Amino acid sequence: MSGKRKFLTLEERVKCLKLFESGKTSRVMASELCVGRTQVQSVLKRKREIMEEYESNANVCLKRCILHDVF
């Protein structure tokens, strides 16, 4: 495994969830997405949050959430 972490886009995280629903293991998904197994497992753990973000038509190319400060 390389030393640099790869951040998954929202689209890639949804793809990961769909692969899991089709019966793939976290190890197989990790190799397909070129990330670590623990990162795949954290995506699976946050399934509800990710799907809500995806269904609310969020930017699918965004890699991280943008927090807006309210003044």
Protein backbone atom coordinates (compact mmCIF):
# COMPACT_ATOMS: atom_id res chain seq x y z
CA MET A 1 0.00 0.00 0.00
CA SER A 2 1.31 3.43 -0.86
CA GLY A 3 2.00 6.02 1.80
CA LYS A 4 -0.36 8.65 0.41
CA ARG A 5 -4.07 8.44 1.11
CA LYS A 6 -6.49 8.62 -1.80
CA PHE A 7 -9.67 10.58 -1.12
CA LEU A 8 -12.73 9.10 -2.77
CA THR A 9 -15.22 11.34 -4.53
CA LEU A 10 -18.89 11.07 -3.66
CA GLU A 11 -19.45 9.14 -6.87
CA GLU A 12 -16.72 6.64 -5.92
CA ARG A 13 -18.18 6.23 -2.43
CA VAL A 14 -21.62 5.48 -3.90
CA LYS A 15 -19.99 2.99 -6.28
CA CYS A 16 -18.39 1.34 -3.25
CA LEU A 17 -21.79 1.01 -1.56
CA LYS A 18 -23.31 -0.51 -4.70
CA LEU A 19 -20.45 -3.01 -4.95
CA PHE A 20 -21.10 -4.02 -1.35
CA GLU A 21 -24.80 -4.53 -2.06
CA SER A 22 -23.88 -6.78 -4.99
CA GLY A 23 -21.98 -9.06 -2.61
CA LYS A 24 -18.36 -7.94 -2.97
CA THR A 25 -16.09 -8.12 0.06
CA SER A 26 -14.32 -5.06 1.44
CA ARG A 27 -10.97 -6.47 0.34
CA VAL A 28 -12.12 -6.87 -3.28
CA MET A 29 -13.68 -3.40 -3.29
CA ALA A 30 -10.48 -1.90 -1.87
CA SER A 31 -8.40 -3.38 -4.67
CA GLU A 32 -10.89 -2.22 -7.34
CA LEU A 33 -10.95 1.34 -5.98
CA CYS A 34 -7.19 1.40 -5.22
CA VAL A 35 -7.69 2.28 -1.55
CA GLY A 36 -7.19 0.53 1.76
CA ARG A 37 -9.66 -1.90 3.26
CA THR A 38 -10.20 0.31 6.31
CA GLN A 39 -11.20 3.22 4.08
CA VAL A 40 -13.80 1.01 2.39
CA GLN A 41 -15.09 -0.07 5.77
CA SER A 42 -15.44 3.54 6.91
CA VAL A 43 -17.48 4.27 3.76
CA LEU A 44 -19.75 1.33 4.58
CA LYS A 45 -20.09 2.60 8.14
CA ARG A 46 -21.26 6.03 6.88
CA LYS A 47 -23.69 4.57 4.31
CA ARG A 48 -26.73 6.60 5.37
CA GLU A 49 -24.86 9.94 5.36
CA ILE A 50 -23.33 9.26 1.95
CA MET A 51 -26.63 8.25 0.36
CA GLU A 52 -28.41 11.31 1.80
CA GLU A 53 -25.70 13.55 0.37
CA TYR A 54 -25.91 11.79 -3.01
CA GLU A 55 -29.71 11.94 -3.16
CA SER A 56 -29.71 15.65 -2.34
CA ASN A 57 -27.93 16.20 -5.68
CA ALA A 58 -24.64 17.17 -4.11
CA ASN A 59 -21.58 17.71 -6.29
CA VAL A 60 -20.44 14.15 -7.11
CA CYS A 61 -16.90 15.24 -7.98
CA LEU A 62 -16.34 16.73 -4.53
CA LYS A 63 -13.80 14.80 -2.49
CA ARG A 64 -14.41 16.37 0.91
CA CYS A 65 -17.33 18.09 2.60
CA ILE A 66 -17.15 21.86 2.64
CA LEU A 67 -18.18 23.37 5.93
CA HIS A 68 -19.69 26.82 5.66
CA ASP A 69 -19.40 29.11 8.64
CA VAL A 70 -22.58 30.96 9.48
CA PHE A 71 -21.95 34.48 10.71
